[in-house]
Amino acid sequence: MALTITINGACGRMGQALVELVRAAPDLTLKSLWDRPGHPAAASSVAADVPVATGPWESDPGMVIVDFSREEGLRTLLKSWPAAATPALVSGTTGLDEELQALLAQRAQRVPVFYAANMSQGIHALRLLARRAAELLDGKWDVELVEMHHNRKADAPSGTASDLIETLQAAWPRPLQPVFGRSGLCGPRGEDELGVFALRGGSVVGEHELVFAGPDETLRISHQAGSRLLFARGALRACRWIAHQPPGLYGMDDLVDP
């Protein structure tokens, strides 16, 4: 039986990439499309035979909800979740505040929930390499983080960059304090600094680079996303997996390194 999928945030660029891949997958069926009321693309043919419901729960959610909306879209989805509704949830919405994190954890007590700021296997590998670098370099090198995205991205740093910051802070032998950009007479770099720089321009899908600088040598680890389809493929891989899991909160570590 095909896995039935609902897309929350269906009118966005990630939502449309998901529609394309679900349509092409023989084991998946597009059940419903949800987006916010008044979205300018809601009346267009995101999927000709599946109308866009202007809000969650206005149509059958099927077996898995894939959420690539914004913070308020995810908040509305979670707060309006009917008590009897049991679809699994896969979310890649970034910029979550403490309330949203708590709402995800609360929902995970009832249904399986998969959350990742980035669904890319390459970014997952970058996180693992960052952890290993922290061990091998013994925390004695300086570390900086540079990310670049398209000129329409609303948040900075990116959700992936924020995840990498948390990864480094957890793995580094000494405390690291993020410094978001530098200007003026800021003085010498502190030993506890983690410089973070957000570049915006053009149609760049996503680039992230970690720079480790030691005495007389520099190590760079980077990842470039060539298309949003790679994130959509990762999300659908998570859908296929989460549909068979018990209630709980899961992430890329569970999917890639079970």
C-alpha atoms as a PDB file:
ATOM      1  CA  MET A   1       0.000   0.000   0.000  1.00  0.00           C
ATOM      2  CA  ALA A   2       1.299   3.436  -0.924  1.00  0.00           C
ATOM      3  CA  LEU A   3       2.306   5.803   1.860  1.00  0.00           C
ATOM      4  CA  THR A   4      -0.043   8.813   1.847  1.00  0.00           C
ATOM      5  CA  ILE A   5       1.661  12.194   2.270  1.00  0.00           C
ATOM      6  CA  THR A   6       0.368  15.661   3.200  1.00  0.00           C
ATOM      7  CA  ILE A   7       2.601  18.695   2.640  1.00  0.00           C
ATOM      8  CA  ASN A   8       2.305  21.660   5.017  1.00  0.00           C
ATOM      9  CA  GLY A   9       3.807  24.702   3.329  1.00  0.00           C
ATOM     10  CA  ALA A  10       2.925  23.296  -0.080  1.00  0.00           C
ATOM     11  CA  CYS A  11       3.149  26.603  -1.953  1.00  0.00           C
ATOM     12  CA  GLY A  12       6.746  27.335  -0.996  1.00  0.00           C
ATOM     13  CA  ARG A  13       9.781  26.279  -2.991  1.00  0.00           C
ATOM     14  CA  MET A  14      10.442  23.258  -0.795  1.00  0.00           C
ATOM     15  CA  GLY A  15       6.774  22.316  -0.870  1.00  0.00           C
ATOM     16  CA  GLN A  16       6.738  22.354  -4.657  1.00  0.00           C
ATOM     17  CA  ALA A  17       9.922  20.266  -4.785  1.00  0.00           C
ATOM     18  CA  LEU A  18       8.207  17.718  -2.528  1.00  0.00           C
ATOM     19  CA  VAL A  19       5.124  17.627  -4.774  1.00  0.00           C
ATOM     20  CA  GLU A  20       7.375  16.871  -7.751  1.00  0.00           C
ATOM     21  CA  LEU A  21       9.107  13.969  -6.022  1.00  0.00           C
ATOM     22  CA  VAL A  22       5.966  12.490  -4.454  1.00  0.00           C
ATOM     23  CA  ARG A  23       4.329  12.508  -7.892  1.00  0.00           C
ATOM     24  CA  ALA A  24       7.278  10.556  -9.303  1.00  0.00           C
ATOM     25  CA  ALA A  25       7.479   7.966  -6.493  1.00  0.00           C
ATOM     26  CA  PRO A  26       5.496   4.733  -7.056  1.00  0.00           C
ATOM     27  CA  ASP A  27       5.297   4.025  -3.310  1.00  0.00           C
ATOM     28  CA  LEU A  28       3.935   7.465  -2.319  1.00  0.00           C
ATOM     29  CA  THR A  29       0.560   9.157  -2.809  1.00  0.00           C
ATOM     30  CA  LEU A  30      -0.111  12.875  -2.427  1.00  0.00           C
ATOM     31  CA  LYS A  31      -3.016  13.107   0.013  1.00  0.00           C
ATOM     32  CA  SER A  32      -3.386  16.808   0.867  1.00  0.00           C
ATOM     33  CA  LEU A  33      -1.724  20.196   0.414  1.00  0.00           C
ATOM     34  CA  TRP A  34      -1.845  22.798   3.179  1.00  0.00           C
ATOM     35  CA  ASP A  35      -0.646  26.376   3.364  1.00  0.00           C
ATOM     36  CA  ARG A  36      -1.516  29.652   5.083  1.00  0.00           C
ATOM     37  CA  PRO A  37      -4.633  31.611   4.148  1.00  0.00           C
ATOM     38  CA  GLY A  38      -3.983  34.246   1.517  1.00  0.00           C
ATOM     39  CA  HIS A  39      -0.809  32.696   0.149  1.00  0.00           C
ATOM     40  CA  PRO A  40      -0.412  34.177  -3.360  1.00  0.00           C
ATOM     41  CA  ALA A  41       0.326  30.758  -4.864  1.00  0.00           C
ATOM     42  CA  ALA A  42      -2.573  28.944  -3.173  1.00  0.00           C
ATOM     43  CA  ALA A  43      -4.882  29.362  -6.154  1.00  0.00           C
ATOM     44  CA  SER A  44      -2.317  28.162  -8.678  1.00  0.00           C
ATOM     45  CA  SER A  45      -1.871  24.575  -9.776  1.00  0.00           C
ATOM     46  CA  VAL A  46       0.746  23.357  -7.299  1.00  0.00           C
ATOM     47  CA  ALA A  47      -0.839  19.975  -7.987  1.00  0.00           C
ATOM     48  CA  ALA A  48      -3.740  20.203 -10.413  1.00  0.00           C
ATOM     49  CA  ASP A  49      -5.924  17.496  -8.864  1.00  0.00           C
ATOM     50  CA  VAL A  50      -5.179  18.295  -5.188  1.00  0.00           C
ATOM     51  CA  PRO A  51      -6.501  21.696  -4.047  1.00  0.00           C
ATOM     52  CA  VAL A  52      -4.501  23.701  -1.519  1.00  0.00           C
ATOM     53  CA  ALA A  53      -6.335  23.927   1.804  1.00  0.00           C
ATOM     54  CA  THR A  54      -5.723  27.297   3.424  1.00  0.00           C
ATOM     55  CA  GLY A  55      -4.763  25.912   6.788  1.00  0.00           C
ATOM     56  CA  PRO A  56      -4.038  22.557   8.445  1.00  0.00           C
ATOM     57  CA  TRP A  57      -6.652  19.912   9.215  1.00  0.00           C
ATOM     58  CA  GLU A  58      -9.080  21.139   6.547  1.00  0.00           C
ATOM     59  CA  SER A  59      -8.501  17.891   4.637  1.00  0.00           C
ATOM     60  CA  ASP A  60      -7.410  14.335   5.412  1.00  0.00           C
ATOM     61  CA  PRO A  61      -3.730  14.333   6.529  1.00  0.00           C
ATOM     62  CA  GLY A  62      -3.047  10.771   5.440  1.00  0.00           C
ATOM     63  CA  MET A  63      -0.231   8.807   7.074  1.00  0.00           C
ATOM     64  CA  VAL A  64       2.614  11.367   7.243  1.00  0.00           C
ATOM     65  CA  ILE A  65       2.635  15.171   7.317  1.00  0.00           C
ATOM     66  CA  VAL A  66       5.748  16.793   5.845  1.00  0.00           C
ATOM     67  CA  ASP A  67       6.203  20.328   7.143  1.00  0.00           C
ATOM     68  CA  PHE A  68       8.389  22.892   5.374  1.00  0.00           C
ATOM     69  CA  SER A  69       6.502  26.020   6.362  1.00  0.00           C
ATOM     70  CA  ARG A  70       7.684  28.792   8.645  1.00  0.00           C
ATOM     71  CA  GLU A  71       7.658  29.088  12.413  1.00  0.00           C
ATOM     72  CA  GLU A  72       4.067  30.305  12.553  1.00  0.00           C
ATOM     73  CA  GLY A  73       2.942  27.629  10.105  1.00  0.00           C
ATOM     74  CA  LEU A  74       4.418  24.882  12.269  1.00  0.00           C
ATOM     75  CA  ARG A  75       3.049  26.522  15.421  1.00  0.00           C
ATOM     76  CA  THR A  76      -0.463  26.593  13.953  1.00  0.00           C
ATOM     77  CA  LEU A  77      -0.162  22.960  12.860  1.00  0.00           C
ATOM     78  CA  LEU A  78       0.926  21.764  16.298  1.00  0.00           C
ATOM     79  CA  LYS A  79      -1.463  23.881  18.367  1.00  0.00           C
ATOM     80  CA  SER A  80      -4.499  22.909  16.274  1.00  0.00           C
ATOM     81  CA  TRP A  81      -3.621  19.190  16.122  1.00  0.00           C
ATOM     82  CA  PRO A  82      -6.834  17.200  16.845  1.00  0.00           C
ATOM     83  CA  ALA A  83      -6.598  14.841  19.791  1.00  0.00           C
ATOM     84  CA  ALA A  84      -7.635  11.853  17.661  1.00  0.00           C
ATOM     85  CA  ALA A  85      -5.275  12.571  14.744  1.00  0.00           C
ATOM     86  CA  THR A  86      -2.355  10.131  14.541  1.00  0.00           C
ATOM     87  CA  PRO A  87      -0.280  10.874  11.394  1.00  0.00           C
ATOM     88  CA  ALA A  88       3.486  10.916  11.776  1.00  0.00           C
ATOM     89  CA  LEU A  89       5.246  14.266  11.350  1.00  0.00           C
ATOM     90  CA  VAL A  90       8.434  15.145   9.460  1.00  0.00           C
ATOM     91  CA  SER A  91       9.512  18.782   9.834  1.00  0.00           C
ATOM     92  CA  GLY A  92      12.401  20.751   8.362  1.00  0.00           C
ATOM     93  CA  THR A  93      11.169  24.186   9.410  1.00  0.00           C
ATOM     94  CA  THR A  94      14.037  26.188  10.902  1.00  0.00           C
ATOM     95  CA  GLY A  95      14.340  28.991  13.434  1.00  0.00           C
ATOM     96  CA  LEU A  96      12.384  27.214  16.180  1.00  0.00           C
ATOM     97  CA  ASP A  97      11.968  29.036  19.472  1.00  0.00           C
ATOM     98  CA  GLU A  98      11.678  27.293  22.844  1.00  0.00           C
ATOM     99  CA  GLU A  99       7.897  27.087  22.603  1.00  0.00           C
ATOM    100  CA  LEU A 100       8.030  25.321  19.235  1.00  0.00           C
ATOM    101  CA  GLN A 101      10.657  22.882  20.480  1.00  0.00           C
ATOM    102  CA  ALA A 102       8.432  22.105  23.458  1.00  0.00           C
ATOM    103  CA  LEU A 103       5.388  21.655  21.204  1.00  0.00           C
ATOM    104  CA  LEU A 104       7.319  19.190  19.024  1.00  0.00           C
ATOM    105  CA  ALA A 105       8.432  17.233  22.102  1.00  0.00           C
ATOM    106  CA  GLN A 106       4.855  17.225  23.411  1.00  0.00           C
ATOM    107  CA  ARG A 107       3.465  15.929  20.094  1.00  0.00           C
ATOM    108  CA  ALA A 108       6.194  13.248  20.022  1.00  0.00           C
ATOM    109  CA  GLN A 109       4.632  11.718  23.121  1.00  0.00           C
ATOM    110  CA  ARG A 110       1.613  10.774  20.987  1.00  0.00           C
ATOM    111  CA  VAL A 111       2.975  10.231  17.439  1.00  0.00           C
ATOM    112  CA  PRO A 112       6.369   9.653  15.800  1.00  0.00           C
ATOM    113  CA  VAL A 113       8.017  13.014  15.022  1.00  0.00           C
ATOM    114  CA  PHE A 114      11.127  13.500  12.886  1.00  0.00           C
ATOM    115  CA  TYR A 115      12.858  16.877  13.029  1.00  0.00           C
ATOM    116  CA  ALA A 116      16.017  18.032  11.252  1.00  0.00           C
ATOM    117  CA  ALA A 117      17.117  21.534  10.317  1.00  0.00           C
ATOM    118  CA  ASN A 118      18.742  19.965   7.253  1.00  0.00           C
ATOM    119  CA  MET A 119      17.717  16.678   5.594  1.00  0.00           C
ATOM    120  CA  SER A 120      20.968  16.298   3.615  1.00  0.00           C
ATOM    121  CA  GLN A 121      23.187  13.254   4.144  1.00  0.00           C
ATOM    122  CA  GLY A 122      26.163  15.432   3.263  1.00  0.00           C
ATOM    123  CA  ILE A 123      25.344  17.931   6.016  1.00  0.00           C
ATOM    124  CA  HIS A 124      24.941  15.033   8.437  1.00  0.00           C
ATOM    125  CA  ALA A 125      28.439  13.895   7.445  1.00  0.00           C
ATOM    126  CA  LEU A 126      29.690  17.469   7.954  1.00  0.00           C
ATOM    127  CA  ARG A 127      28.325  17.410  11.501  1.00  0.00           C
ATOM    128  CA  LEU A 128      30.094  14.119  12.212  1.00  0.00           C
ATOM    129  CA  LEU A 129      33.353  15.489  10.763  1.00  0.00           C
ATOM    130  CA  ALA A 130      33.024  18.591  12.932  1.00  0.00           C
ATOM    131  CA  ARG A 131      32.737  16.401  16.019  1.00  0.00           C
ATOM    132  CA  ARG A 132      35.756  14.365  14.989  1.00  0.00           C
ATOM    133  CA  ALA A 133      37.789  17.488  14.206  1.00  0.00           C
ATOM    134  CA  ALA A 134      37.044  18.790  17.694  1.00  0.00           C
ATOM    135  CA  GLU A 135      38.563  15.593  19.113  1.00  0.00           C
ATOM    136  CA  LEU A 136      41.600  15.456  16.836  1.00  0.00           C
ATOM    137  CA  LEU A 137      42.502  19.142  17.113  1.00  0.00           C
ATOM    138  CA  ASP A 138      42.117  19.058  20.889  1.00  0.00           C
ATOM    139  CA  GLY A 139      40.292  22.378  20.858  1.00  0.00           C
ATOM    140  CA  LYS A 140      43.525  24.296  20.402  1.00  0.00           C
ATOM    141  CA  TRP A 141      42.702  25.649  16.937  1.00  0.00           C
ATOM    142  CA  ASP A 142      40.468  28.568  16.077  1.00  0.00           C
ATOM    143  CA  VAL A 143      37.160  27.705  14.389  1.00  0.00           C
ATOM    144  CA  GLU A 144      34.943  29.884  12.169  1.00  0.00           C
ATOM    145  CA  LEU A 145      31.690  29.183  10.340  1.00  0.00           C
ATOM    146  CA  VAL A 146      30.576  30.758   7.051  1.00  0.00           C
ATOM    147  CA  GLU A 147      27.178  30.115   5.437  1.00  0.00           C
ATOM    148  CA  MET A 148      25.578  31.498   2.277  1.00  0.00           C
ATOM    149  CA  HIS A 149      21.991  31.378   1.011  1.00  0.00           C
ATOM    150  CA  HIS A 150      19.773  33.046  -1.571  1.00  0.00           C
ATOM    151  CA  ASN A 151      18.696  36.656  -1.208  1.00  0.00           C
ATOM    152  CA  ARG A 152      15.154  35.777  -0.069  1.00  0.00           C
ATOM    153  CA  LYS A 153      16.129  33.793   3.019  1.00  0.00           C
ATOM    154  CA  ALA A 154      14.472  35.329   6.059  1.00  0.00           C
ATOM    155  CA  ASP A 155      16.614  34.058   8.963  1.00  0.00           C
ATOM    156  CA  ALA A 156      20.291  34.320   9.841  1.00  0.00           C
ATOM    157  CA  PRO A 157      22.225  32.350  10.715  1.00  0.00           C
ATOM    158  CA  SER A 158      20.626  29.457   8.870  1.00  0.00           C
ATOM    159  CA  GLY A 159      19.053  26.599  10.779  1.00  0.00           C
ATOM    160  CA  THR A 160      21.881  24.359   9.600  1.00  0.00           C
ATOM    161  CA  ALA A 161      24.468  26.868  10.813  1.00  0.00           C
ATOM    162  CA  SER A 162      22.741  27.012  14.208  1.00  0.00           C
ATOM    163  CA  ASP A 163      22.820  23.213  14.358  1.00  0.00           C
ATOM    164  CA  LEU A 164      26.552  23.213  13.526  1.00  0.00           C
ATOM    165  CA  ILE A 165      27.153  25.802  16.259  1.00  0.00           C
ATOM    166  CA  GLU A 166      25.448  23.525  18.799  1.00  0.00           C
ATOM    167  CA  THR A 167      27.444  20.535  17.510  1.00  0.00           C
ATOM    168  CA  LEU A 168      30.757  22.373  17.947  1.00  0.00           C
ATOM    169  CA  GLN A 169      29.823  23.745  21.363  1.00  0.00           C
ATOM    170  CA  ALA A 170      28.990  20.225  22.563  1.00  0.00           C
ATOM    171  CA  ALA A 171      32.164  18.660  21.137  1.00  0.00           C
ATOM    172  CA  TRP A 172      34.774  21.365  21.728  1.00  0.00           C
ATOM    173  CA  PRO A 173      36.982  20.774  24.803  1.00  0.00           C
ATOM    174  CA  ARG A 174      36.533  24.374  25.969  1.00  0.00           C
ATOM    175  CA  PRO A 175      33.508  26.696  25.898  1.00  0.00           C
ATOM    176  CA  LEU A 176      32.798  28.371  22.559  1.00  0.00           C
ATOM    177  CA  GLN A 177      30.974  31.683  22.314  1.00  0.00           C
ATOM    178  CA  PRO A 178      29.392  32.534  18.934  1.00  0.00           C
ATOM    179  CA  VAL A 179      30.363  35.950  17.575  1.00  0.00           C
ATOM    180  CA  PHE A 180      28.013  36.960  14.759  1.00  0.00           C
ATOM    181  CA  GLY A 181      30.205  39.026  12.449  1.00  0.00           C
ATOM    182  CA  ARG A 182      32.932  41.469  13.402  1.00  0.00           C
ATOM    183  CA  SER A 183      33.390  45.151  12.697  1.00  0.00           C
ATOM    184  CA  GLY A 184      35.301  48.122  13.974  1.00  0.00           C
ATOM    185  CA  LEU A 185      38.171  47.927  16.408  1.00  0.00           C
ATOM    186  CA  CYS A 186      37.161  44.585  17.885  1.00  0.00           C
ATOM    187  CA  GLY A 187      40.632  43.598  19.085  1.00  0.00           C
ATOM    188  CA  PRO A 188      42.408  40.241  18.799  1.00  0.00           C
ATOM    189  CA  ARG A 189      40.352  37.115  18.391  1.00  0.00           C
ATOM    190  CA  GLY A 190      39.459  35.504  21.711  1.00  0.00           C
ATOM    191  CA  GLU A 191      40.255  31.848  22.324  1.00  0.00           C
ATOM    192  CA  ASP A 192      36.628  31.119  23.106  1.00  0.00           C
ATOM    193  CA  GLU A 193      35.216  32.742  19.942  1.00  0.00           C
ATOM    194  CA  LEU A 194      33.315  30.937  17.213  1.00  0.00           C
ATOM    195  CA  GLY A 195      32.990  33.439  14.384  1.00  0.00           C
ATOM    196  CA  VAL A 196      29.736  33.079  12.422  1.00  0.00           C
ATOM    197  CA  PHE A 197      29.165  34.857   9.109  1.00  0.00           C
ATOM    198  CA  ALA A 198      25.950  34.820   7.039  1.00  0.00           C
ATOM    199  CA  LEU A 199      26.192  35.719   3.338  1.00  0.00           C
ATOM    200  CA  ARG A 200      23.063  36.373   1.251  1.00  0.00           C
ATOM    201  CA  GLY A 201      22.774  36.720  -2.499  1.00  0.00           C
ATOM    202  CA  GLY A 202      21.455  35.408  -5.793  1.00  0.00           C
ATOM    203  CA  SER A 203      19.818  32.006  -5.895  1.00  0.00           C
ATOM    204  CA  VAL A 204      22.281  30.052  -3.754  1.00  0.00           C
ATOM    205  CA  VAL A 205      20.484  27.033  -2.298  1.00  0.00           C
ATOM    206  CA  GLY A 206      22.856  26.577   0.627  1.00  0.00           C
ATOM    207  CA  GLU A 207      26.576  26.557   1.368  1.00  0.00           C
ATOM    208  CA  HIS A 208      28.253  25.901   4.704  1.00  0.00           C
ATOM    209  CA  GLU A 209      31.962  25.917   5.497  1.00  0.00           C
ATOM    210  CA  LEU A 210      33.830  25.264   8.724  1.00  0.00           C
ATOM    211  CA  VAL A 211      37.318  26.748   8.918  1.00  0.00           C
ATOM    212  CA  PHE A 212      39.760  25.368  11.503  1.00  0.00           C
ATOM    213  CA  ALA A 213      42.913  27.522  11.759  1.00  0.00           C
ATOM    214  CA  GLY A 214      46.004  26.395  13.624  1.00  0.00           C
ATOM    215  CA  PRO A 215      49.674  27.390  13.671  1.00  0.00           C
ATOM    216  CA  ASP A 216      50.865  27.482  10.040  1.00  0.00           C
ATOM    217  CA  GLU A 217      47.958  25.408   8.673  1.00  0.00           C
ATOM    218  CA  THR A 218      44.252  25.617   7.918  1.00  0.00           C
ATOM    219  CA  LEU A 219      41.609  22.902   7.563  1.00  0.00           C
ATOM    220  CA  ARG A 220      38.358  23.608   5.693  1.00  0.00           C
ATOM    221  CA  ILE A 221      35.299  21.339   5.577  1.00  0.00           C
ATOM    222  CA  SER A 222      32.479  22.502   3.328  1.00  0.00           C
ATOM    223  CA  HIS A 223      29.185  21.455   1.779  1.00  0.00           C
ATOM    224  CA  GLN A 224      27.345  22.948  -1.199  1.00  0.00           C
ATOM    225  CA  ALA A 225      23.725  22.138  -2.022  1.00  0.00           C
ATOM    226  CA  GLY A 226      23.066  22.099  -5.766  1.00  0.00           C
ATOM    227  CA  SER A 227      19.271  21.797  -5.636  1.00  0.00           C
ATOM    228  CA  ARG A 228      16.377  21.803  -3.173  1.00  0.00           C
ATOM    229  CA  LEU A 229      15.520  18.357  -4.482  1.00  0.00           C
ATOM    230  CA  LEU A 230      18.259  16.888  -2.287  1.00  0.00           C
ATOM    231  CA  PHE A 231      16.445  18.180   0.824  1.00  0.00           C
ATOM    232  CA  ALA A 232      13.125  16.923  -0.530  1.00  0.00           C
ATOM    233  CA  ARG A 233      14.632  13.477  -1.170  1.00  0.00           C
ATOM    234  CA  GLY A 234      15.957  13.434   2.400  1.00  0.00           C
ATOM    235  CA  ALA A 235      12.558  14.418   3.778  1.00  0.00           C
ATOM    236  CA  LEU A 236      10.798  11.643   1.868  1.00  0.00           C
ATOM    237  CA  ARG A 237      13.393   9.145   3.054  1.00  0.00           C
ATOM    238  CA  ALA A 238      12.501  10.280   6.581  1.00  0.00           C
ATOM    239  CA  CYS A 239       8.778   9.836   5.768  1.00  0.00           C
ATOM    240  CA  ARG A 240       9.287   6.244   4.667  1.00  0.00           C
ATOM    241  CA  TRP A 241      11.213   5.525   7.875  1.00  0.00           C
ATOM    242  CA  ILE A 242       9.147   7.448  10.457  1.00  0.00           C
ATOM    243  CA  ALA A 243       5.899   5.835   9.324  1.00  0.00           C
ATOM    244  CA  HIS A 244       7.068   2.578  10.945  1.00  0.00           C
ATOM    245  CA  GLN A 245       8.386   4.004  14.226  1.00  0.00           C
ATOM    246  CA  PRO A 246       6.678   4.240  17.623  1.00  0.00           C
ATOM    247  CA  PRO A 247       5.921   7.666  19.141  1.00  0.00           C
ATOM    248  CA  GLY A 248       9.061   9.632  19.933  1.00  0.00           C
ATOM    249  CA  LEU A 249      11.249  12.495  18.748  1.00  0.00           C
ATOM    250  CA  TYR A 250      13.773  11.438  16.096  1.00  0.00           C
ATOM    251  CA  GLY A 251      16.494  13.112  14.020  1.00  0.00           C
ATOM    252  CA  MET A 252      19.157  12.476  11.408  1.00  0.00           C
ATOM    253  CA  ASP A 253      21.286  10.432  13.808  1.00  0.00           C
ATOM    254  CA  ASP A 254      18.413   7.948  14.133  1.00  0.00           C
ATOM    255  CA  LEU A 255      17.813   7.791  10.389  1.00  0.00           C
ATOM    256  CA  VAL A 256      21.392   7.594   9.121  1.00  0.00           C
ATOM    257  CA  ASP A 257      23.111   5.887  12.086  1.00  0.00           C
ATOM    258  CA  PRO A 258      20.426   3.702  13.673  1.00  0.00           C
END
